[in-house]
Amino acid sequence: MIATAGWLVWQREGLSIALGFWSANLVFNAAWSWLMFGQRRIGAALADAIAMLLTIVAFMATAWPSIQTAALLFLPYLAWVTFAAALNYEILRRNPEAA
């Protein structure tokens, strides 16, 4: 769904602000697993998850005027990242030395 949303925006707008947020989100998405599991930097992973949430919302807001379908395709992703960020926070809260 993430790829389809990006492709829809690319087809409609080409390089755009929405596609910039989509691209930035891919970078944050890739970094989260590396930070959380590879480096065990729980605090940094939480900051990354917040950046993911911000870029998801920004993508949805900037894609909406042009192609609502692309924005709506991000709703399950928004829910999933919100859940992951909440889990990330709870792990950090219970293990403050892991920051």
PDB file of N, CA and C in Angstrom:
ATOM      1  N   MET A   1       0.822  -1.191   0.000  1.00  0.00           N
ATOM      2  CA  MET A   1       0.000   0.000   0.000  1.00  0.00           C
ATOM      3  C   MET A   1       0.869   1.259   0.000  1.00  0.00           C
ATOM      4  N   ILE A   2       1.990   1.186   0.700  1.00  0.00           N
ATOM      5  CA  ILE A   2       2.903   2.329   0.719  1.00  0.00           C
ATOM      6  C   ILE A   2       3.428   2.593  -0.686  1.00  0.00           C
ATOM      7  N   ALA A   3       3.869   1.541  -1.348  1.00  0.00           N
ATOM      8  CA  ALA A   3       4.394   1.687  -2.710  1.00  0.00           C
ATOM      9  C   ALA A   3       3.320   2.181  -3.666  1.00  0.00           C
ATOM     10  N   THR A   4       2.119   1.646  -3.544  1.00  0.00           N
ATOM     11  CA  THR A   4       1.017   2.069  -4.418  1.00  0.00           C
ATOM     12  C   THR A   4       0.694   3.535  -4.203  1.00  0.00           C
ATOM     13  N   ALA A   5       0.673   3.973  -2.956  1.00  0.00           N
ATOM     14  CA  ALA A   5       0.389   5.384  -2.668  1.00  0.00           C
ATOM     15  C   ALA A   5       1.438   6.287  -3.312  1.00  0.00           C
ATOM     16  N   GLY A   6       2.704   5.912  -3.175  1.00  0.00           N
ATOM     17  CA  GLY A   6       3.775   6.700  -3.796  1.00  0.00           C
ATOM     18  C   GLY A   6       3.664   6.717  -5.305  1.00  0.00           C
ATOM     19  N   TRP A   7       3.351   5.562  -5.880  1.00  0.00           N
ATOM     20  CA  TRP A   7       3.214   5.474  -7.333  1.00  0.00           C
ATOM     21  C   TRP A   7       2.057   6.336  -7.827  1.00  0.00           C
ATOM     22  N   LEU A   8       0.933   6.319  -7.099  1.00  0.00           N
ATOM     23  CA  LEU A   8      -0.217   7.142  -7.495  1.00  0.00           C
ATOM     24  C   LEU A   8       0.134   8.622  -7.490  1.00  0.00           C
ATOM     25  N   VAL A   9       0.850   9.053  -6.464  1.00  0.00           N
ATOM     26  CA  VAL A   9       1.250  10.464  -6.393  1.00  0.00           C
ATOM     27  C   VAL A   9       2.241  10.774  -7.515  1.00  0.00           C
ATOM     28  N   TRP A  10       3.181   9.876  -7.744  1.00  0.00           N
ATOM     29  CA  TRP A  10       4.152  10.072  -8.822  1.00  0.00           C
ATOM     30  C   TRP A  10       3.433  10.218 -10.169  1.00  0.00           C
ATOM     31  N   GLN A  11       2.460   9.372 -10.411  1.00  0.00           N
ATOM     32  CA  GLN A  11       1.715   9.418 -11.674  1.00  0.00           C
ATOM     33  C   GLN A  11       0.937  10.724 -11.832  1.00  0.00           C
ATOM     34  N   ARG A  12       0.369  11.212 -10.755  1.00  0.00           N
ATOM     35  CA  ARG A  12      -0.454  12.416 -10.808  1.00  0.00           C
ATOM     36  C   ARG A  12       0.370  13.691 -10.761  1.00  0.00           C
ATOM     37  N   GLU A  13       1.422  13.714  -9.919  1.00  0.00           N
ATOM     38  CA  GLU A  13       2.132  14.963  -9.654  1.00  0.00           C
ATOM     39  C   GLU A  13       3.598  14.959 -10.084  1.00  0.00           C
ATOM     40  N   GLY A  14       4.174  13.790 -10.302  1.00  0.00           N
ATOM     41  CA  GLY A  14       5.612  13.735 -10.535  1.00  0.00           C
ATOM     42  C   GLY A  14       6.324  14.076  -9.229  1.00  0.00           C
ATOM     43  N   LEU A  15       7.507  14.681  -9.334  1.00  0.00           N
ATOM     44  CA  LEU A  15       8.214  15.104  -8.125  1.00  0.00           C
ATOM     45  C   LEU A  15       7.391  16.203  -7.457  1.00  0.00           C
ATOM     46  N   SER A  16       7.081  15.997  -6.195  1.00  0.00           N
ATOM     47  CA  SER A  16       6.217  16.932  -5.488  1.00  0.00           C
ATOM     48  C   SER A  16       6.570  16.917  -4.005  1.00  0.00           C
ATOM     49  N   ILE A  17       5.949  17.804  -3.278  1.00  0.00           N
ATOM     50  CA  ILE A  17       6.153  17.838  -1.823  1.00  0.00           C
ATOM     51  C   ILE A  17       5.667  16.532  -1.206  1.00  0.00           C
ATOM     52  N   ALA A  18       4.523  16.038  -1.657  1.00  0.00           N
ATOM     53  CA  ALA A  18       3.991  14.779  -1.124  1.00  0.00           C
ATOM     54  C   ALA A  18       4.983  13.646  -1.354  1.00  0.00           C
ATOM     55  N   LEU A  19       5.550  13.577  -2.538  1.00  0.00           N
ATOM     56  CA  LEU A  19       6.511  12.522  -2.836  1.00  0.00           C
ATOM     57  C   LEU A  19       7.793  12.697  -2.010  1.00  0.00           C
ATOM     58  N   GLY A  20       8.139  13.928  -1.690  1.00  0.00           N
ATOM     59  CA  GLY A  20       9.275  14.184  -0.798  1.00  0.00           C
ATOM     60  C   GLY A  20       9.028  13.630   0.592  1.00  0.00           C
ATOM     61  N   PHE A  21       7.818  13.840   1.124  1.00  0.00           N
ATOM     62  CA  PHE A  21       7.470  13.274   2.430  1.00  0.00           C
ATOM     63  C   PHE A  21       7.448  11.748   2.367  1.00  0.00           C
ATOM     64  N   TRP A  22       6.936  11.205   1.256  1.00  0.00           N
ATOM     65  CA  TRP A  22       6.890   9.757   1.062  1.00  0.00           C
ATOM     66  C   TRP A  22       8.316   9.187   1.074  1.00  0.00           C
ATOM     67  N   SER A  23       9.226   9.841   0.361  1.00  0.00           N
ATOM     68  CA  SER A  23      10.619   9.384   0.291  1.00  0.00           C
ATOM     69  C   SER A  23      11.309   9.477   1.649  1.00  0.00           C
ATOM     70  N   ALA A  24      11.114  10.592   2.335  1.00  0.00           N
ATOM     71  CA  ALA A  24      11.709  10.755   3.665  1.00  0.00           C
ATOM     72  C   ALA A  24      11.201   9.671   4.606  1.00  0.00           C
ATOM     73  N   ASN A  25       9.927   9.338   4.484  1.00  0.00           N
ATOM     74  CA  ASN A  25       9.359   8.306   5.334  1.00  0.00           C
ATOM     75  C   ASN A  25      10.023   6.961   5.091  1.00  0.00           C
ATOM     76  N   LEU A  26      10.350   6.666   3.845  1.00  0.00           N
ATOM     77  CA  LEU A  26      11.032   5.399   3.554  1.00  0.00           C
ATOM     78  C   LEU A  26      12.378   5.322   4.273  1.00  0.00           C
ATOM     79  N   VAL A  27      13.074   6.432   4.322  1.00  0.00           N
ATOM     80  CA  VAL A  27      14.371   6.471   5.021  1.00  0.00           C
ATOM     81  C   VAL A  27      14.164   6.226   6.517  1.00  0.00           C
ATOM     82  N   PHE A  28      13.181   6.923   7.104  1.00  0.00           N
ATOM     83  CA  PHE A  28      12.903   6.728   8.532  1.00  0.00           C
ATOM     84  C   PHE A  28      12.450   5.296   8.806  1.00  0.00           C
ATOM     85  N   ASN A  29      11.654   4.745   7.909  1.00  0.00           N
ATOM     86  CA  ASN A  29      11.170   3.379   8.061  1.00  0.00           C
ATOM     87  C   ASN A  29      12.339   2.398   8.095  1.00  0.00           C
ATOM     88  N   ALA A  30      13.263   2.545   7.172  1.00  0.00           N
ATOM     89  CA  ALA A  30      14.428   1.658   7.128  1.00  0.00           C
ATOM     90  C   ALA A  30      15.301   1.833   8.367  1.00  0.00           C
ATOM     91  N   ALA A  31      15.432   3.051   8.841  1.00  0.00           N
ATOM     92  CA  ALA A  31      16.298   3.326   9.987  1.00  0.00           C
ATOM     93  C   ALA A  31      15.734   2.764  11.285  1.00  0.00           C
ATOM     94  N   TRP A  32      14.422   2.691  11.407  1.00  0.00           N
ATOM     95  CA  TRP A  32      13.832   2.276  12.675  1.00  0.00           C
ATOM     96  C   TRP A  32      14.279   0.873  13.080  1.00  0.00           C
ATOM     97  N   SER A  33      14.178  -0.088  12.195  1.00  0.00           N
ATOM     98  CA  SER A  33      14.570  -1.462  12.537  1.00  0.00           C
ATOM     99  C   SER A  33      16.050  -1.535  12.902  1.00  0.00           C
ATOM    100  N   TRP A  34      16.873  -0.817  12.156  1.00  0.00           N
ATOM    101  CA  TRP A  34      18.304  -0.804  12.436  1.00  0.00           C
ATOM    102  C   TRP A  34      18.588  -0.216  13.813  1.00  0.00           C
ATOM    103  N   LEU A  35      17.916   0.899  14.130  1.00  0.00           N
ATOM    104  CA  LEU A  35      18.122   1.530  15.431  1.00  0.00           C
ATOM    105  C   LEU A  35      17.594   0.664  16.570  1.00  0.00           C
ATOM    106  N   MET A  36      16.383   0.145  16.390  1.00  0.00           N
ATOM    107  CA  MET A  36      15.715  -0.595  17.457  1.00  0.00           C
ATOM    108  C   MET A  36      16.377  -1.953  17.710  1.00  0.00           C
ATOM    109  N   PHE A  37      16.618  -2.697  16.662  1.00  0.00           N
ATOM    110  CA  PHE A  37      17.095  -4.067  16.822  1.00  0.00           C
ATOM    111  C   PHE A  37      18.587  -4.221  16.554  1.00  0.00           C
ATOM    112  N   GLY A  38      19.088  -3.530  15.554  1.00  0.00           N
ATOM    113  CA  GLY A  38      20.503  -3.650  15.220  1.00  0.00           C
ATOM    114  C   GLY A  38      21.399  -2.949  16.219  1.00  0.00           C
ATOM    115  N   GLN A  39      21.054  -1.722  16.559  1.00  0.00           N
ATOM    116  CA  GLN A  39      21.883  -0.928  17.463  1.00  0.00           C
ATOM    117  C   GLN A  39      21.371  -0.919  18.907  1.00  0.00           C
ATOM    118  N   ARG A  40      20.133  -1.347  19.091  1.00  0.00           N
ATOM    119  CA  ARG A  40      19.485  -1.347  20.416  1.00  0.00           C
ATOM    120  C   ARG A  40      19.503   0.037  21.055  1.00  0.00           C
ATOM    121  N   ARG A  41      19.282   1.014  20.198  1.00  0.00           N
ATOM    122  CA  ARG A  41      19.189   2.408  20.665  1.00  0.00           C
ATOM    123  C   ARG A  41      17.714   2.765  20.713  1.00  0.00           C
ATOM    124  N   ILE A  42      17.079   2.418  21.817  1.00  0.00           N
ATOM    125  CA  ILE A  42      15.632   2.503  21.952  1.00  0.00           C
ATOM    126  C   ILE A  42      15.148   3.952  21.882  1.00  0.00           C
ATOM    127  N   GLY A  43      15.870   4.859  22.502  1.00  0.00           N
ATOM    128  CA  GLY A  43      15.496   6.277  22.456  1.00  0.00           C
ATOM    129  C   GLY A  43      15.583   6.841  21.052  1.00  0.00           C
ATOM    130  N   ALA A  44      16.647   6.512  20.354  1.00  0.00           N
ATOM    131  CA  ALA A  44      16.800   6.977  18.969  1.00  0.00           C
ATOM    132  C   ALA A  44      15.722   6.368  18.079  1.00  0.00           C
ATOM    133  N   ALA A  45      15.376   5.105  18.338  1.00  0.00           N
ATOM    134  CA  ALA A  45      14.318   4.461  17.557  1.00  0.00           C
ATOM    135  C   ALA A  45      12.979   5.155  17.803  1.00  0.00           C
ATOM    136  N   LEU A  46      12.724   5.585  19.035  1.00  0.00           N
ATOM    137  CA  LEU A  46      11.481   6.303  19.325  1.00  0.00           C
ATOM    138  C   LEU A  46      11.450   7.638  18.590  1.00  0.00           C
ATOM    139  N   ALA A  47      12.560   8.352  18.592  1.00  0.00           N
ATOM    140  CA  ALA A  47      12.624   9.614  17.842  1.00  0.00           C
ATOM    141  C   ALA A  47      12.371   9.363  16.356  1.00  0.00           C
ATOM    142  N   ASP A  48      12.916   8.274  15.845  1.00  0.00           N
ATOM    143  CA  ASP A  48      12.707   7.909  14.453  1.00  0.00           C
ATOM    144  C   ASP A  48      11.233   7.575  14.199  1.00  0.00           C
ATOM    145  N   ALA A  49      10.602   6.861  15.117  1.00  0.00           N
ATOM    146  CA  ALA A  49       9.183   6.520  14.968  1.00  0.00           C
ATOM    147  C   ALA A  49       8.326   7.785  14.938  1.00  0.00           C
ATOM    148  N   ILE A  50       8.690   8.763  15.755  1.00  0.00           N
ATOM    149  CA  ILE A  50       7.961  10.035  15.743  1.00  0.00           C
ATOM    150  C   ILE A  50       8.154  10.732  14.404  1.00  0.00           C
ATOM    151  N   ALA A  51       9.365  10.691  13.874  1.00  0.00           N
ATOM    152  CA  ALA A  51       9.616  11.257  12.543  1.00  0.00           C
ATOM    153  C   ALA A  51       8.790  10.524  11.484  1.00  0.00           C
ATOM    154  N   MET A  52       8.670   9.204  11.628  1.00  0.00           N
ATOM    155  CA  MET A  52       7.826   8.443  10.693  1.00  0.00           C
ATOM    156  C   MET A  52       6.387   8.923  10.778  1.00  0.00           C
ATOM    157  N   LEU A  53       5.876   9.083  11.992  1.00  0.00           N
ATOM    158  CA  LEU A  53       4.493   9.541  12.156  1.00  0.00           C
ATOM    159  C   LEU A  53       4.286  10.914  11.513  1.00  0.00           C
ATOM    160  N   LEU A  54       5.241  11.796  11.729  1.00  0.00           N
ATOM    161  CA  LEU A  54       5.124  13.141  11.155  1.00  0.00           C
ATOM    162  C   LEU A  54       5.139  13.109   9.628  1.00  0.00           C
ATOM    163  N   THR A  55       6.005  12.287   9.051  1.00  0.00           N
ATOM    164  CA  THR A  55       6.059  12.229   7.590  1.00  0.00           C
ATOM    165  C   THR A  55       4.847  11.503   7.008  1.00  0.00           C
ATOM    166  N   ILE A  56       4.283  10.563   7.746  1.00  0.00           N
ATOM    167  CA  ILE A  56       3.057   9.907   7.285  1.00  0.00           C
ATOM    168  C   ILE A  56       1.919  10.919   7.219  1.00  0.00           C
ATOM    169  N   VAL A  57       1.744  11.662   8.296  1.00  0.00           N
ATOM    170  CA  VAL A  57       0.670  12.670   8.336  1.00  0.00           C
ATOM    171  C   VAL A  57       0.914  13.751   7.283  1.00  0.00           C
ATOM    172  N   ALA A  58       2.164  14.171   7.137  1.00  0.00           N
ATOM    173  CA  ALA A  58       2.478  15.192   6.133  1.00  0.00           C
ATOM    174  C   ALA A  58       2.206  14.673   4.722  1.00  0.00           C
ATOM    175  N   PHE A  59       2.565  13.408   4.458  1.00  0.00           N
ATOM    176  CA  PHE A  59       2.260  12.830   3.149  1.00  0.00           C
ATOM    177  C   PHE A  59       0.761  12.828   2.913  1.00  0.00           C
ATOM    178  N   MET A  60       0.018  12.363   3.895  1.00  0.00           N
ATOM    179  CA  MET A  60      -1.428  12.281   3.733  1.00  0.00           C
ATOM    180  C   MET A  60      -2.035  13.661   3.477  1.00  0.00           C
ATOM    181  N   ALA A  61      -1.575  14.656   4.217  1.00  0.00           N
ATOM    182  CA  ALA A  61      -2.111  16.012   4.067  1.00  0.00           C
ATOM    183  C   ALA A  61      -1.768  16.620   2.713  1.00  0.00           C
ATOM    184  N   THR A  62      -0.560  16.374   2.228  1.00  0.00           N
ATOM    185  CA  THR A  62      -0.159  16.982   0.947  1.00  0.00           C
ATOM    186  C   THR A  62      -0.660  16.189  -0.248  1.00  0.00           C
ATOM    187  N   ALA A  63      -0.901  14.895  -0.077  1.00  0.00           N
ATOM    188  CA  ALA A  63      -1.437  14.084  -1.181  1.00  0.00           C
ATOM    189  C   ALA A  63      -2.943  14.259  -1.322  1.00  0.00           C
ATOM    190  N   TRP A  64      -3.628  14.534  -0.229  1.00  0.00           N
ATOM    191  CA  TRP A  64      -5.097  14.588  -0.215  1.00  0.00           C
ATOM    192  C   TRP A  64      -5.703  15.491  -1.290  1.00  0.00           C
ATOM    193  N   PRO A  65      -5.231  16.727  -1.457  1.00  0.00           N
ATOM    194  CA  PRO A  65      -5.877  17.595  -2.461  1.00  0.00           C
ATOM    195  C   PRO A  65      -5.800  17.036  -3.884  1.00  0.00           C
ATOM    196  N   SER A  66      -4.781  16.280  -4.190  1.00  0.00           N
ATOM    197  CA  SER A  66      -4.572  15.782  -5.541  1.00  0.00           C
ATOM    198  C   SER A  66      -5.147  14.385  -5.754  1.00  0.00           C
ATOM    199  N   ILE A  67      -4.899  13.504  -4.800  1.00  0.00           N
ATOM    200  CA  ILE A  67      -5.338  12.110  -4.955  1.00  0.00           C
ATOM    201  C   ILE A  67      -5.636  11.498  -3.585  1.00  0.00           C
ATOM    202  N   GLN A  68      -6.888  11.537  -3.220  1.00  0.00           N
ATOM    203  CA  GLN A  68      -7.332  11.075  -1.912  1.00  0.00           C
ATOM    204  C   GLN A  68      -7.023   9.593  -1.690  1.00  0.00           C
ATOM    205  N   THR A  69      -7.072   8.797  -2.755  1.00  0.00           N
ATOM    206  CA  THR A  69      -6.791   7.365  -2.625  1.00  0.00           C
ATOM    207  C   THR A  69      -5.410   7.134  -2.038  1.00  0.00           C
ATOM    208  N   ALA A  70      -4.416   7.883  -2.490  1.00  0.00           N
ATOM    209  CA  ALA A  70      -3.057   7.724  -1.969  1.00  0.00           C
ATOM    210  C   ALA A  70      -3.016   8.027  -0.476  1.00  0.00           C
ATOM    211  N   ALA A  71      -3.700   9.076  -0.069  1.00  0.00           N
ATOM    212  CA  ALA A  71      -3.729   9.427   1.353  1.00  0.00           C
ATOM    213  C   ALA A  71      -4.421   8.336   2.159  1.00  0.00           C
ATOM    214  N   LEU A  72      -5.525   7.828   1.670  1.00  0.00           N
ATOM    215  CA  LEU A  72      -6.262   6.793   2.389  1.00  0.00           C
ATOM    216  C   LEU A  72      -5.486   5.476   2.479  1.00  0.00           C
ATOM    217  N   LEU A  73      -4.658   5.197   1.473  1.00  0.00           N
ATOM    218  CA  LEU A  73      -3.832   3.994   1.521  1.00  0.00           C
ATOM    219  C   LEU A  73      -2.833   4.028   2.675  1.00  0.00           C
ATOM    220  N   PHE A  74      -2.561   5.205   3.197  1.00  0.00           N
ATOM    221  CA  PHE A  74      -1.624   5.341   4.314  1.00  0.00           C
ATOM    222  C   PHE A  74      -2.295   5.161   5.676  1.00  0.00           C
ATOM    223  N   LEU A  75      -3.612   5.057   5.742  1.00  0.00           N
ATOM    224  CA  LEU A  75      -4.283   4.918   7.039  1.00  0.00           C
ATOM    225  C   LEU A  75      -3.844   3.668   7.811  1.00  0.00           C
ATOM    226  N   PRO A  76      -3.791   2.479   7.200  1.00  0.00           N
ATOM    227  CA  PRO A  76      -3.312   1.318   7.972  1.00  0.00           C
ATOM    228  C   PRO A  76      -1.858   1.480   8.431  1.00  0.00           C
ATOM    229  N   TYR A  77      -1.048   2.098   7.608  1.00  0.00           N
ATOM    230  CA  TYR A  77       0.355   2.348   7.951  1.00  0.00           C
ATOM    231  C   TYR A  77       0.432   3.298   9.140  1.00  0.00           C
ATOM    232  N   LEU A  78      -0.401   4.339   9.139  1.00  0.00           N
ATOM    233  CA  LEU A  78      -0.452   5.270  10.264  1.00  0.00           C
ATOM    234  C   LEU A  78      -0.817   4.528  11.548  1.00  0.00           C
ATOM    235  N   ALA A  79      -1.806   3.649  11.470  1.00  0.00           N
ATOM    236  CA  ALA A  79      -2.216   2.875  12.650  1.00  0.00           C
ATOM    237  C   ALA A  79      -1.073   1.975  13.128  1.00  0.00           C
ATOM    238  N   TRP A  80      -0.412   1.301  12.197  1.00  0.00           N
ATOM    239  CA  TRP A  80       0.670   0.386  12.556  1.00  0.00           C
ATOM    240  C   TRP A  80       1.838   1.130  13.201  1.00  0.00           C
ATOM    241  N   VAL A  81       2.249   2.243  12.629  1.00  0.00           N
ATOM    242  CA  VAL A  81       3.388   2.991  13.170  1.00  0.00           C
ATOM    243  C   VAL A  81       3.017   3.605  14.519  1.00  0.00           C
ATOM    244  N   THR A  82       1.773   4.018  14.696  1.00  0.00           N
ATOM    245  CA  THR A  82       1.331   4.525  15.996  1.00  0.00           C
ATOM    246  C   THR A  82       1.459   3.431  17.056  1.00  0.00           C
ATOM    247  N   PHE A  83       1.021   2.229  16.717  1.00  0.00           N
ATOM    248  CA  PHE A  83       1.137   1.089  17.627  1.00  0.00           C
ATOM    249  C   PHE A  83       2.603   0.768  17.917  1.00  0.00           C
ATOM    250  N   ALA A  84       3.427   0.734  16.888  1.00  0.00           N
ATOM    251  CA  ALA A  84       4.855   0.443  17.060  1.00  0.00           C
ATOM    252  C   ALA A  84       5.531   1.509  17.924  1.00  0.00           C
ATOM    253  N   ALA A  85       5.169   2.764  17.706  1.00  0.00           N
ATOM    254  CA  ALA A  85       5.752   3.846  18.514  1.00  0.00           C
ATOM    255  C   ALA A  85       5.336   3.716  19.979  1.00  0.00           C
ATOM    256  N   ALA A  86       4.089   3.332  20.217  1.00  0.00           N
ATOM    257  CA  ALA A  86       3.626   3.132  21.590  1.00  0.00           C
ATOM    258  C   ALA A  86       4.396   1.992  22.256  1.00  0.00           C
ATOM    259  N   LEU A  87       4.610   0.910  21.536  1.00  0.00           N
ATOM    260  CA  LEU A  87       5.412  -0.195  22.070  1.00  0.00           C
ATOM    261  C   LEU A  87       6.855   0.242  22.325  1.00  0.00           C
ATOM    262  N   ASN A  88       7.402   0.982  21.381  1.00  0.00           N
ATOM    263  CA  ASN A  88       8.762   1.503  21.502  1.00  0.00           C
ATOM    264  C   ASN A  88       8.870   2.359  22.764  1.00  0.00           C
ATOM    265  N   TYR A  89       7.899   3.228  22.979  1.00  0.00           N
ATOM    266  CA  TYR A  89       7.885   4.092  24.163  1.00  0.00           C
ATOM    267  C   TYR A  89       7.843   3.251  25.436  1.00  0.00           C
ATOM    268  N   GLU A  90       6.970   2.244  25.438  1.00  0.00           N
ATOM    269  CA  GLU A  90       6.831   1.416  26.636  1.00  0.00           C
ATOM    270  C   GLU A  90       8.113   0.647  26.939  1.00  0.00           C
ATOM    271  N   ILE A  91       8.785   0.165  25.911  1.00  0.00           N
ATOM    272  CA  ILE A  91      10.072  -0.520  26.118  1.00  0.00           C
ATOM    273  C   ILE A  91      11.085   0.455  26.710  1.00  0.00           C
ATOM    274  N   LEU A  92      11.110   1.676  26.193  1.00  0.00           N
ATOM    275  CA  LEU A  92      12.026   2.689  26.717  1.00  0.00           C
ATOM    276  C   LEU A  92      11.674   3.046  28.162  1.00  0.00           C
ATOM    277  N   ARG A  93      10.389   3.196  28.447  1.00  0.00           N
ATOM    278  CA  ARG A  93       9.947   3.552  29.794  1.00  0.00           C
ATOM    279  C   ARG A  93      10.340   2.473  30.799  1.00  0.00           C
ATOM    280  N   ARG A  94      10.233   1.223  30.408  1.00  0.00           N
ATOM    281  CA  ARG A  94      10.551   0.123  31.317  1.00  0.00           C
ATOM    282  C   ARG A  94      12.046  -0.184  31.389  1.00  0.00           C
ATOM    283  N   ASN A  95      12.803   0.343  30.442  1.00  0.00           N
ATOM    284  CA  ASN A  95      14.243   0.106  30.395  1.00  0.00           C
ATOM    285  C   ASN A  95      14.976   1.416  30.143  1.00  0.00           C
ATOM    286  N   PRO A  96      14.950   2.341  31.072  1.00  0.00           N
ATOM    287  CA  PRO A  96      15.553   3.659  30.825  1.00  0.00           C
ATOM    288  C   PRO A  96      17.043   3.601  30.506  1.00  0.00           C
ATOM    289  N   GLU A  97      17.716   2.580  30.937  1.00  0.00           N
ATOM    290  CA  GLU A  97      19.142   2.459  30.627  1.00  0.00           C
ATOM    291  C   GLU A  97      19.364   2.139  29.147  1.00  0.00           C
ATOM    292  N   ALA A  98      18.317   1.768  28.428  1.00  0.00           N
ATOM    293  CA  ALA A  98      18.427   1.424  27.008  1.00  0.00           C
ATOM    294  C   ALA A  98      18.329   2.643  26.102  1.00  0.00           C
ATOM    295  N   ALA A  99      18.192   3.815  26.688  1.00  0.00           N
ATOM    296  CA  ALA A  99      18.055   5.035  25.873  1.00  0.00           C
ATOM    297  C   ALA A  99      19.297   5.231  25.065  1.00  0.00           C
TER     298      ALA A  99
END
